[in-house]
C-alpha atoms as a PDB file:
ATOM      1  CA  MET A   1      98.376 137.006  88.899  1.00  0.00           C
ATOM      2  CA  GLU A   2     101.881 138.117  87.809  1.00  0.00           C
ATOM      3  CA  SER A   3     103.603 136.046  90.501  1.00  0.00           C
ATOM      4  CA  ALA A   4     101.594 132.980  89.462  1.00  0.00           C
ATOM      5  CA  GLN A   5     102.569 133.433  85.814  1.00  0.00           C
ATOM      6  CA  GLU A   6     106.218 133.860  86.782  1.00  0.00           C
ATOM      7  CA  LEU A   7     106.165 130.561  88.656  1.00  0.00           C
ATOM      8  CA  LEU A   8     104.443 128.783  85.768  1.00  0.00           C
ATOM      9  CA  ASP A   9     107.038 130.263  83.400  1.00  0.00           C
ATOM     10  CA  ALA A  10     109.769 128.905  85.666  1.00  0.00           C
ATOM     11  CA  GLY A  11     108.402 125.417  85.086  1.00  0.00           C
ATOM     12  CA  PHE A  12     106.401 124.827  88.279  1.00  0.00           C
ATOM     13  CA  SER A  13     103.178 122.837  88.040  1.00  0.00           C
ATOM     14  CA  LYS A  14      99.773 124.359  88.733  1.00  0.00           C
ATOM     15  CA  THR A  15      99.617 122.586  92.086  1.00  0.00           C
ATOM     16  CA  LYS A  16     103.067 123.767  93.178  1.00  0.00           C
ATOM     17  CA  THR A  17     102.356 127.292  91.963  1.00  0.00           C
ATOM     18  CA  ALA A  18      99.163 127.459  94.016  1.00  0.00           C
ATOM     19  CA  GLU A  19     101.000 126.155  97.074  1.00  0.00           C
ATOM     20  CA  MET A  20     103.798 128.719  96.733  1.00  0.00           C
ATOM     21  CA  ILE A  21     101.498 131.743  96.434  1.00  0.00           C
ATOM     22  CA  GLY A  22      99.071 130.453  99.086  1.00  0.00           C
ATOM     23  CA  VAL A  23      95.886 129.826  97.097  1.00  0.00           C
ATOM     24  CA  HIS A  24      93.846 126.718  96.402  1.00  0.00           C
ATOM     25  CA  HIS A  25      95.086 124.929  93.288  1.00  0.00           C
ATOM     26  CA  SER A  26      91.562 124.982  91.808  1.00  0.00           C
ATOM     27  CA  LYS A  27      91.919 128.737  91.330  1.00  0.00           C
ATOM     28  CA  ILE A  28      95.075 128.317  89.230  1.00  0.00           C
ATOM     29  CA  CYS A  29      93.376 125.544  87.221  1.00  0.00           C
ATOM     30  CA  ARG A  30      90.422 127.776  86.433  1.00  0.00           C
ATOM     31  CA  LEU A  31      92.624 130.691  85.360  1.00  0.00           C
ATOM     32  CA  VAL A  32      94.564 128.393  83.041  1.00  0.00           C
ATOM     33  CA  ASP A  33      91.326 126.993  81.615  1.00  0.00           C
ATOM     34  CA  ILE A  34      89.986 130.466  80.756  1.00  0.00           C
ATOM     35  CA  GLY A  35      93.323 131.573  79.311  1.00  0.00           C
ATOM     36  CA  GLU A  36      94.318 134.172  81.907  1.00  0.00           C
ATOM     37  CA  LEU A  37      97.383 132.106  82.801  1.00  0.00           C
ATOM     38  CA  GLU A  38      99.575 130.139  80.407  1.00  0.00           C
ATOM     39  CA  ILE A  39     101.492 126.909  80.990  1.00  0.00           C
ATOM     40  CA  TYR A  40     105.179 127.061  80.186  1.00  0.00           C
ATOM     41  CA  LEU A  41     106.527 124.184  78.038  1.00  0.00           C
ATOM     42  CA  PRO A  42     109.964 123.300  79.463  1.00  0.00           C
ATOM     43  CA  PHE A  43     111.465 122.323  76.128  1.00  0.00           C
ATOM     44  CA  ASP A  44     111.640 123.557  72.545  1.00  0.00           C
ATOM     45  CA  ASP A  45     112.515 122.113  69.170  1.00  0.00           C
ATOM     46  CA  GLY A  46     116.262 122.017  69.839  1.00  0.00           C
ATOM     47  CA  ASP A  47     118.512 118.987  70.122  1.00  0.00           C
ATOM     48  CA  ASP A  48     117.871 118.737  73.888  1.00  0.00           C
ATOM     49  CA  LYS A  49     114.097 118.385  73.445  1.00  0.00           C
ATOM     50  CA  HIS A  50     113.873 114.786  74.654  1.00  0.00           C
ATOM     51  CA  GLN A  51     116.303 115.350  77.506  1.00  0.00           C
ATOM     52  CA  SER A  52     114.307 118.359  78.747  1.00  0.00           C
ATOM     53  CA  LYS A  53     111.018 116.536  78.415  1.00  0.00           C
ATOM     54  CA  ASP A  54     112.302 113.677  80.546  1.00  0.00           C
ATOM     55  CA  LEU A  55     113.629 116.130  83.137  1.00  0.00           C
ATOM     56  CA  TYR A  56     110.246 117.826  83.551  1.00  0.00           C
ATOM     57  CA  GLU A  57     108.078 114.767  83.017  1.00  0.00           C
ATOM     58  CA  TRP A  58     106.757 114.850  86.607  1.00  0.00           C
ATOM     59  CA  LEU A  59     105.213 118.259  85.919  1.00  0.00           C
ATOM     60  CA  TRP A  60     103.056 116.744  83.207  1.00  0.00           C
ATOM     61  CA  GLU A  61     102.037 113.825  85.404  1.00  0.00           C
ATOM     62  CA  GLU A  62     100.969 116.093  88.251  1.00  0.00           C
ATOM     63  CA  ASP A  63      98.964 118.326  85.918  1.00  0.00           C
ATOM     64  CA  GLU A  64      97.198 115.353  84.323  1.00  0.00           C
ATOM     65  CA  LEU A  65      96.365 113.963  87.739  1.00  0.00           C
ATOM     66  CA  GLU A  66      95.102 117.341  88.838  1.00  0.00           C
ATOM     67  CA  ALA A  67      92.830 117.541  85.809  1.00  0.00           C
ATOM     68  CA  LEU A  68      91.616 114.004  86.570  1.00  0.00           C
ATOM     69  CA  LEU A  69      90.722 114.991  90.134  1.00  0.00           C
ATOM     70  CA  TRP A  70      88.704 118.002  89.061  1.00  0.00           C
ATOM     71  CA  LYS A  71      86.973 116.010  86.383  1.00  0.00           C
ATOM     72  CA  GLY A  72      85.871 113.584  89.078  1.00  0.00           C
ATOM     73  CA  TYR A  73      84.717 116.493  91.213  1.00  0.00           C
ATOM     74  CA  ASP A  74      82.753 118.169  88.401  1.00  0.00           C
ATOM     75  CA  GLU A  75      81.279 115.120  86.637  1.00  0.00           C
ATOM     76  CA  GLY A  76      80.744 112.695  89.526  1.00  0.00           C
ATOM     77  CA  LYS A  77      81.931 109.599  87.613  1.00  0.00           C
ATOM     78  CA  VAL A  78      85.282 109.230  85.881  1.00  0.00           C
ATOM     79  CA  ASP A  79      86.901 106.159  84.345  1.00  0.00           C
ATOM     80  CA  ILE A  80      90.630 106.786  84.697  1.00  0.00           C
ATOM     81  CA  ASN A  81      91.424 104.433  81.800  1.00  0.00           C
ATOM     82  CA  ALA A  82      89.185 106.378  79.403  1.00  0.00           C
ATOM     83  CA  VAL A  83      90.328 109.826  80.568  1.00  0.00           C
ATOM     84  CA  LEU A  84      94.067 109.137  80.482  1.00  0.00           C
ATOM     85  CA  GLY A  85      94.056 106.944  77.362  1.00  0.00           C
ATOM     86  CA  GLU A  86      97.605 106.279  76.173  1.00  0.00           C
ATOM     87  CA  ARG A  87      98.966 108.092  79.224  1.00  0.00           C
ATOM     88  CA  TYR A  88      97.289 105.609  81.602  1.00  0.00           C
ATOM     89  CA  TYR A  89     100.399 103.487  82.212  1.00  0.00           C
ATOM     90  CA  SER A  90     102.898 106.345  82.567  1.00  0.00           C
ATOM     91  CA  VAL A  91     100.645 108.302  84.947  1.00  0.00           C
ATOM     92  CA  GLY A  92      99.804 105.095  86.821  1.00  0.00           C
ATOM     93  CA  ARG A  93     103.483 104.272  87.308  1.00  0.00           C
ATOM     94  CA  TYR A  94     104.061 107.822  88.547  1.00  0.00           C
ATOM     95  CA  VAL A  95     101.316 107.398  91.166  1.00  0.00           C
ATOM     96  CA  GLN A  96     102.684 104.001  92.206  1.00  0.00           C
ATOM     97  CA  ASN A  97     106.240 105.355  92.576  1.00  0.00           C
ATOM     98  CA  ASN A  98     105.320 108.589  94.379  1.00  0.00           C
ATOM     99  CA  TYR A  99     102.112 107.853  96.298  1.00  0.00           C
ATOM    100  CA  LYS A 100     102.109 103.991  96.502  1.00  0.00           C
ATOM    101  CA  ASN A 101      98.514 103.746  95.273  1.00  0.00           C
ATOM    102  CA  PHE A 102      95.615 105.851  93.985  1.00  0.00           C
ATOM    103  CA  HIS A 103      93.797 105.765  97.343  1.00  0.00           C
ATOM    104  CA  LEU A 104      96.753 107.384  99.138  1.00  0.00           C
ATOM    105  CA  PHE A 105      97.062 109.894  96.306  1.00  0.00           C
ATOM    106  CA  LEU A 106      93.415 110.922  96.792  1.00  0.00           C
ATOM    107  CA  ALA A 107      93.940 111.166 100.552  1.00  0.00           C
ATOM    108  CA  GLN A 108      97.018 113.363 100.181  1.00  0.00           C
ATOM    109  CA  LYS A 109      95.225 115.687  97.769  1.00  0.00           C
ATOM    110  CA  GLY A 110      92.139 115.918  99.986  1.00  0.00           C
ATOM    111  CA  PHE A 111      89.835 114.079  97.557  1.00  0.00           C
ATOM    112  CA  LEU A 112      89.325 110.832  99.506  1.00  0.00           C
ATOM    113  CA  PRO A 113      85.603 111.598 100.184  1.00  0.00           C
ATOM    114  CA  LEU A 114      85.133 111.492  96.391  1.00  0.00           C
ATOM    115  CA  GLU A 115      86.799 108.081  96.044  1.00  0.00           C
ATOM    116  CA  ASP A 116      83.582 106.472  94.779  1.00  0.00           C
ATOM    117  CA  ASN A 117      83.574 108.884  91.806  1.00  0.00           C
ATOM    118  CA  PHE A 118      86.643 107.232  90.271  1.00  0.00           C
ATOM    119  CA  PHE A 119      86.354 104.062  88.192  1.00  0.00           C
ATOM    120  CA  LYS A 120      88.848 101.680  86.601  1.00  0.00           C
ATOM    121  CA  THR A 121      88.450  99.122  83.814  1.00  0.00           C
ATOM    122  CA  CYS A 122      89.096  95.486  84.767  1.00  0.00           C
ATOM    123  CA  SER A 123      91.737  93.894  82.525  1.00  0.00           C
ATOM    124  CA  THR A 124      89.810  90.594  82.452  1.00  0.00           C
ATOM    125  CA  CYS A 125      86.067  91.252  82.304  1.00  0.00           C
ATOM    126  CA  GLY A 126      86.428  94.715  80.728  1.00  0.00           C
ATOM    127  CA  GLU A 127      83.852  96.267  83.058  1.00  0.00           C
ATOM    128  CA  SER A 128      84.342  99.754  84.500  1.00  0.00           C
ATOM    129  CA  LYS A 129      84.119  99.480  88.298  1.00  0.00           C
ATOM    130  CA  GLN A 130      84.714 101.671  91.336  1.00  0.00           C
ATOM    131  CA  LEU A 131      88.244 101.603  92.739  1.00  0.00           C
ATOM    132  CA  LYS A 132      87.051  99.807  95.884  1.00  0.00           C
ATOM    133  CA  ASN A 133      86.567  96.746  93.651  1.00  0.00           C
ATOM    134  CA  PHE A 134      90.331  96.534  93.031  1.00  0.00           C
ATOM    135  CA  SER A 135      92.800  95.375  95.688  1.00  0.00           C
ATOM    136  CA  LYS A 136      95.812  97.506  96.582  1.00  0.00           C
ATOM    137  CA  ARG A 137      99.064  95.929  95.417  1.00  0.00           C
ATOM    138  CA  LYS A 138     102.707  96.681  96.105  1.00  0.00           C
ATOM    139  CA  GLY A 139     105.427  96.416  93.496  1.00  0.00           C
ATOM    140  CA  GLU A 140     105.161  97.224  89.800  1.00  0.00           C
ATOM    141  CA  PHE A 141     101.399  97.639  89.614  1.00  0.00           C
ATOM    142  CA  VAL A 142      99.910 100.617  87.773  1.00  0.00           C
ATOM    143  CA  PHE A 143      98.278 103.026  90.246  1.00  0.00           C
ATOM    144  CA  GLY A 144      99.246 100.547  92.990  1.00  0.00           C
ATOM    145  CA  LEU A 145      96.116  98.518  92.199  1.00  0.00           C
ATOM    146  CA  GLU A 146      95.415  94.994  91.007  1.00  0.00           C
ATOM    147  CA  PRO A 147      94.622  95.119  87.240  1.00  0.00           C
ATOM    148  CA  GLN A 148      91.795  92.596  87.726  1.00  0.00           C
ATOM    149  CA  CYS A 149      88.680  93.355  89.767  1.00  0.00           C
ATOM    150  CA  ASN A 150      88.144  91.378  92.981  1.00  0.00           C
ATOM    151  CA  ARG A 151      85.490  89.179  91.387  1.00  0.00           C
ATOM    152  CA  CYS A 152      87.787  88.136  88.539  1.00  0.00           C
ATOM    153  CA  VAL A 153      90.664  87.524  90.954  1.00  0.00           C
ATOM    154  CA  GLU A 154      88.426  85.311  93.088  1.00  0.00           C
ATOM    155  CA  GLY A 155      87.357  83.397  90.002  1.00  0.00           C
ATOM    156  CA  ARG A 156      90.956  82.903  88.905  1.00  0.00           C
ATOM    157  CA  VAL A 157      92.033  81.709  92.349  1.00  0.00           C
ATOM    158  CA  ARG A 158      89.037  79.379  92.651  1.00  0.00           C
ATOM    159  CA  ASN A 159      89.752  77.872  89.246  1.00  0.00           C
ATOM    160  CA  ASN A 160      93.432  77.364  90.077  1.00  0.00           C
ATOM    161  CA  LEU A 161      92.621  75.759  93.416  1.00  0.00           C
ATOM    162  CA  ILE A 162      90.355  73.275  91.659  1.00  0.00           C
ATOM    163  CA  ASN A 163      92.482  72.477  88.620  1.00  0.00           C
ATOM    164  CA  ASN A 164      96.100  73.300  89.427  1.00  0.00           C
ATOM    165  CA  GLU A 165      97.900  71.091  91.966  1.00  0.00           C
ATOM    166  CA  SER A 166     101.156  73.067  91.859  1.00  0.00           C
ATOM    167  CA  TYR A 167      99.188  76.278  92.549  1.00  0.00           C
ATOM    168  CA  LYS A 168      97.590  74.656  95.610  1.00  0.00           C
ATOM    169  CA  ASP A 169     101.003  73.598  96.916  1.00  0.00           C
ATOM    170  CA  ARG A 170     102.373  77.098  96.318  1.00  0.00           C
ATOM    171  CA  CYS A 171      99.420  78.624  98.189  1.00  0.00           C
ATOM    172  CA  LYS A 172     100.103  76.383 101.182  1.00  0.00           C
ATOM    173  CA  VAL A 173     103.734  77.502 101.337  1.00  0.00           C
ATOM    174  CA  VAL A 174     102.874  81.191 100.957  1.00  0.00           C
ATOM    175  CA  GLY A 175     100.055  80.864 103.491  1.00  0.00           C
ATOM    176  CA  LYS A 176     102.332  79.282 106.081  1.00  0.00           C
ATOM    177  CA  LYS A 177     104.940  82.036 105.637  1.00  0.00           C
ATOM    178  CA  TRP A 178     102.246  84.700 106.056  1.00  0.00           C
ATOM    179  CA  ARG A 179     100.883  83.045 109.209  1.00  0.00           C
ATOM    180  CA  ASP A 180     104.375  82.818 110.689  1.00  0.00           C
ATOM    181  CA  ARG A 181     104.931  86.545 110.027  1.00  0.00           C
ATOM    182  CA  ASN A 182     101.506  87.678 111.255  1.00  0.00           C
ATOM    183  CA  LYS A 183     100.795  85.724 114.427  1.00  0.00           C
ATOM    184  CA  ASP A 184      99.458  88.816 116.224  1.00  0.00           C
ATOM    185  CA  LYS A 185      97.053  89.546 113.373  1.00  0.00           C
ATOM    186  CA  LEU A 186      95.757  85.976 113.396  1.00  0.00           C
ATOM    187  CA  TYR A 187      95.343  86.144 117.163  1.00  0.00           C
ATOM    188  CA  VAL A 188      93.328  89.370 116.892  1.00  0.00           C
ATOM    189  CA  TYR A 189      91.261  88.022 113.987  1.00  0.00           C
ATOM    190  CA  GLY A 190      90.327  84.949 116.046  1.00  0.00           C
ATOM    191  CA  HIS A 191      89.103  87.013 118.986  1.00  0.00           C
ATOM    192  CA  ILE A 192      87.308  89.434 116.672  1.00  0.00           C
ATOM    193  CA  ARG A 193      85.501  86.531 115.025  1.00  0.00           C
ATOM    194  CA  ARG A 194      84.356  85.217 118.414  1.00  0.00           C
ATOM    195  CA  ALA A 195      83.034  88.650 119.418  1.00  0.00           C
ATOM    196  CA  ARG A 196      81.343  89.138 116.055  1.00  0.00           C
ATOM    197  CA  GLU A 197      79.583  85.777 116.371  1.00  0.00           C
ATOM    198  CA  SER A 198      78.251  86.985 119.731  1.00  0.00           C
ATOM    199  CA  ASN A 199      77.132  90.350 118.285  1.00  0.00           C
ATOM    200  CA  LEU A 200      79.602  92.186 120.538  1.00  0.00           C
ATOM    201  CA  LEU A 201      82.102  94.946 119.868  1.00  0.00           C
ATOM    202  CA  ASN A 202      84.885  93.578 117.648  1.00  0.00           C
ATOM    203  CA  ASP A 203      87.037  96.547 116.636  1.00  0.00           C
ATOM    204  CA  LEU A 204      90.385  95.712 118.282  1.00  0.00           C
ATOM    205  CA  THR A 205      93.333  96.437 115.968  1.00  0.00           C
ATOM    206  CA  THR A 206      96.813  94.926 116.004  1.00  0.00           C
ATOM    207  CA  GLU A 207      98.151  98.394 116.916  1.00  0.00           C
ATOM    208  CA  GLN A 208      95.843  98.585 119.956  1.00  0.00           C
ATOM    209  CA  LEU A 209      96.866  95.066 120.963  1.00  0.00           C
ATOM    210  CA  GLU A 210     100.522  96.128 120.798  1.00  0.00           C
ATOM    211  CA  ILE A 211      99.792  99.243 122.907  1.00  0.00           C
ATOM    212  CA  THR A 212      98.059  97.054 125.508  1.00  0.00           C
ATOM    213  CA  LYS A 213     101.023  94.667 125.661  1.00  0.00           C
ATOM    214  CA  LEU A 214     103.520  97.537 125.994  1.00  0.00           C
ATOM    215  CA  SER A 215     101.450  99.083 128.785  1.00  0.00           C
ATOM    216  CA  PHE A 216     102.159  96.072 131.021  1.00  0.00           C
ATOM    217  CA  SER A 217     105.345  94.503 129.566  1.00  0.00           C
ATOM    218  CA  GLY A 218     104.071  91.040 130.441  1.00  0.00           C
ATOM    219  CA  CYS A 219     101.255  89.666 132.581  1.00  0.00           C
ATOM    220  CA  ALA A 220      99.265  92.603 134.016  1.00  0.00           C
ATOM    221  CA  LEU A 221      99.270  91.081 137.524  1.00  0.00           C
ATOM    222  CA  THR A 222     102.662  89.352 137.762  1.00  0.00           C
ATOM    223  CA  GLY A 223     104.916  90.679 134.988  1.00  0.00           C
ATOM    224  CA  ASP A 224     105.520  87.163 133.630  1.00  0.00           C
ATOM    225  CA  LYS A 225     106.534  87.187 129.959  1.00  0.00           C
ATOM    226  CA  THR A 226     104.363  84.165 129.103  1.00  0.00           C
ATOM    227  CA  TYR A 227     100.689  85.034 129.062  1.00  0.00           C
ATOM    228  CA  HIS A 228      97.294  84.789 127.337  1.00  0.00           C
ATOM    229  CA  MET A 229      95.131  87.730 126.309  1.00  0.00           C
ATOM    230  CA  ASP A 230      92.055  87.771 128.557  1.00  0.00           C
ATOM    231  CA  HIS A 231      88.654  89.438 128.108  1.00  0.00           C
ATOM    232  CA  VAL A 232      88.189  91.345 131.384  1.00  0.00           C
ATOM    233  CA  ILE A 233      84.419  91.312 130.863  1.00  0.00           C
ATOM    234  CA  PRO A 234      83.912  87.827 129.379  1.00  0.00           C
ATOM    235  CA  LEU A 235      82.207  87.371 126.032  1.00  0.00           C
ATOM    236  CA  ALA A 236      80.087  84.639 127.621  1.00  0.00           C
ATOM    237  CA  ILE A 237      78.039  87.139 129.672  1.00  0.00           C
ATOM    238  CA  GLY A 238      77.085  89.118 126.570  1.00  0.00           C
ATOM    239  CA  HIS A 239      78.906  92.397 127.340  1.00  0.00           C
ATOM    240  CA  GLY A 240      82.288  93.953 126.622  1.00  0.00           C
ATOM    241  CA  GLY A 241      83.712  92.453 123.443  1.00  0.00           C
ATOM    242  CA  THR A 242      87.049  92.200 121.651  1.00  0.00           C
ATOM    243  CA  THR A 243      87.841  95.879 121.927  1.00  0.00           C
ATOM    244  CA  TYR A 244      90.502  98.171 123.352  1.00  0.00           C
ATOM    245  CA  GLY A 245      90.109  98.419 127.128  1.00  0.00           C
ATOM    246  CA  ASN A 246      88.660  94.930 127.552  1.00  0.00           C
ATOM    247  CA  MET A 247      91.735  92.864 126.628  1.00  0.00           C
ATOM    248  CA  ILE A 248      94.645  92.407 129.055  1.00  0.00           C
ATOM    249  CA  PRO A 249      97.638  90.043 129.238  1.00  0.00           C
ATOM    250  CA  LEU A 250      97.270  87.442 132.015  1.00  0.00           C
ATOM    251  CA  ARG A 251      99.486  84.526 132.921  1.00  0.00           C
ATOM    252  CA  SER A 252      97.891  81.332 131.601  1.00  0.00           C
ATOM    253  CA  ASP A 253      96.984  79.848 135.014  1.00  0.00           C
ATOM    254  CA  LEU A 254      95.447  83.162 136.091  1.00  0.00           C
ATOM    255  CA  ASN A 255      93.476  83.404 132.863  1.00  0.00           C
ATOM    256  CA  ILE A 256      92.151  79.853 133.297  1.00  0.00           C
ATOM    257  CA  SER A 257      91.286  80.518 136.952  1.00  0.00           C
ATOM    258  CA  LYS A 258      89.498  83.802 136.228  1.00  0.00           C
ATOM    259  CA  HIS A 259      87.413  82.235 133.435  1.00  0.00           C
ATOM    260  CA  CYS A 260      84.047  84.086 133.349  1.00  0.00           C
ATOM    261  CA  ASN A 261      84.263  85.587 136.839  1.00  0.00           C
ATOM    262  CA  ASN A 262      84.007  89.213 137.907  1.00  0.00           C
ATOM    263  CA  ILE A 263      87.637  90.402 137.981  1.00  0.00           C
ATOM    264  CA  PHE A 264      87.163  92.254 141.301  1.00  0.00           C
ATOM    265  CA  GLU A 265      85.605  89.268 143.083  1.00  0.00           C
ATOM    266  CA  TRP A 266      88.066  86.830 141.500  1.00  0.00           C
ATOM    267  CA  PHE A 267      91.059  88.891 142.648  1.00  0.00           C
ATOM    268  CA  GLU A 268      89.823  89.078 146.245  1.00  0.00           C
ATOM    269  CA  ALA A 269      89.189  85.329 146.316  1.00  0.00           C
ATOM    270  CA  ASN A 270      92.533  84.347 144.732  1.00  0.00           C
ATOM    271  CA  ARG A 271      94.995  87.039 145.779  1.00  0.00           C
ATOM    272  CA  GLN A 272      96.688  84.948 148.470  1.00  0.00           C
ATOM    273  CA  ARG A 273      96.486  81.696 146.503  1.00  0.00           C
ATOM    274  CA  PHE A 274      98.464  83.170 143.588  1.00  0.00           C
ATOM    275  CA  GLU A 275     100.429  85.683 145.743  1.00  0.00           C
ATOM    276  CA  LEU A 276      99.179  88.625 143.698  1.00  0.00           C
ATOM    277  CA  SER A 277     100.116  92.245 144.343  1.00  0.00           C
ATOM    278  CA  GLN A 278      97.373  94.694 145.350  1.00  0.00           C
ATOM    279  CA  GLU A 279      99.446  97.512 143.869  1.00  0.00           C
ATOM    280  CA  ARG A 280      99.615  95.789 140.470  1.00  0.00           C
ATOM    281  CA  PHE A 281      95.883  95.130 140.565  1.00  0.00           C
ATOM    282  CA  ASP A 282      95.126  98.784 141.376  1.00  0.00           C
ATOM    283  CA  THR A 283      97.395  99.878 138.500  1.00  0.00           C
ATOM    284  CA  LEU A 284      95.537  97.500 136.172  1.00  0.00           C
ATOM    285  CA  ILE A 285      92.127  98.864 137.208  1.00  0.00           C
ATOM    286  CA  ASP A 286      93.375 102.451 136.737  1.00  0.00           C
ATOM    287  CA  TRP A 287      94.457 101.552 133.197  1.00  0.00           C
ATOM    288  CA  LEU A 288      91.167  99.809 132.383  1.00  0.00           C
ATOM    289  CA  ALA A 289      89.135 102.735 133.679  1.00  0.00           C
ATOM    290  CA  SER A 290      91.205 105.206 131.666  1.00  0.00           C
ATOM    291  CA  ALA A 291      90.995 103.065 128.504  1.00  0.00           C
ATOM    292  CA  ASN A 292      87.200 103.055 128.852  1.00  0.00           C
ATOM    293  CA  ALA A 293      87.022 106.804 129.604  1.00  0.00           C
ATOM    294  CA  MET A 294      85.663 106.172 133.121  1.00  0.00           C
ATOM    295  CA  THR A 295      86.708 106.832 136.686  1.00  0.00           C
ATOM    296  CA  VAL A 296      87.760 103.832 138.758  1.00  0.00           C
ATOM    297  CA  LYS A 297      84.436 103.975 140.622  1.00  0.00           C
ATOM    298  CA  GLU A 298      82.447 104.127 137.373  1.00  0.00           C
ATOM    299  CA  TYR A 299      84.419 101.237 135.889  1.00  0.00           C
ATOM    300  CA  ARG A 300      83.898  99.072 138.983  1.00  0.00           C
ATOM    301  CA  GLU A 301      80.153  99.758 138.891  1.00  0.00           C
ATOM    302  CA  TYR A 302      80.090  98.974 135.151  1.00  0.00           C
ATOM    303  CA  VAL A 303      81.825  95.601 135.638  1.00  0.00           C
ATOM    304  CA  TYR A 304      79.431  94.635 138.445  1.00  0.00           C
ATOM    305  CA  TRP A 305      76.440  95.723 136.338  1.00  0.00           C
ATOM    306  CA  CYS A 306      77.593  93.576 133.393  1.00  0.00           C
ATOM    307  CA  HIS A 307      77.903  90.491 135.585  1.00  0.00           C
ATOM    308  CA  ALA A 308      74.578  91.194 137.315  1.00  0.00           C
ATOM    309  CA  ASN A 309      72.819  91.584 133.970  1.00  0.00           C
ATOM    310  CA  PRO A 310      74.107  88.844 131.670  1.00  0.00           C
ATOM    311  CA  CYS A 311      72.807  89.059 128.130  1.00  0.00           C
ATOM    312  CA  ASP A 312      72.036  86.341 125.595  1.00  0.00           C
ATOM    313  CA  VAL A 313      74.938  86.565 123.139  1.00  0.00           C
ATOM    314  CA  ASN A 314      72.452  86.211 120.266  1.00  0.00           C
ATOM    315  CA  ASP A 315      70.636  89.396 121.285  1.00  0.00           C
ATOM    316  CA  LYS A 316      71.396  92.508 119.262  1.00  0.00           C
ATOM    317  CA  GLY A 317      71.077  94.963 122.118  1.00  0.00           C
ATOM    318  CA  VAL A 318      74.175  94.004 124.082  1.00  0.00           C
ATOM    319  CA  ILE A 319      76.344  96.692 125.659  1.00  0.00           C
END
């Protein structure tokens, strides 16, 4: 208790004090609430009052955020606008500058499972809505969140697209720049959409796609730097999907030739025609088996089973 009070007297926040003495910060909060610990004010009525307050401003922000978290924990529903009042913008800027957005702040403090307990008031419709209804935004946005809820933003964009020609032109330019910067994302999104339409696995991420590419440094069978991404188990037979362990880089002519065929049978039939290496093929199968948490034998049997048991892509029970 004495060591905690000494740290608070030195100007440390409740959170930092708890961290330094090795207890959960909720314990320090409770002791302060019942009066057994006192918060030190890092300034007095002297001439340097404003200078000192600015110097220790982050302590106040952290304490207010801490109180906000525990209010959300205790009450189950908290509107951050109503709780913070006039301090909403200063605390929000602090979160944006130090945590990027309120979601990352909750994650860092261990409160992310309670995310649905926190609400924010939309600047347009005035309704209090859960944070998931507000898009994350970079730059000078309070709490790192869009001030308007997603519904109001959609309405604004829709109205501008209908009535504002210059806005439409600006959107085209911005859209083209984004597409040029995010070709891998668009590529993944396209394959994910195809798998989703077939009710197949569609959870491939751009990070997993990059890992797959780096694993082969070009076409998986030739090393060529120009290639397509191929579904080892084709979507057309109703198995596999756009998922890690079913996408590999293949040279375009190999990808076209393989089409919807069993990769083992296709390789045996076309190895000499395309002058393919058995060693490269074996390395590819080892990687595919490992990515699917199988042995090589199990993976081979799985591929043959998928081709022997094609499934209607509209069925829900595909594997």
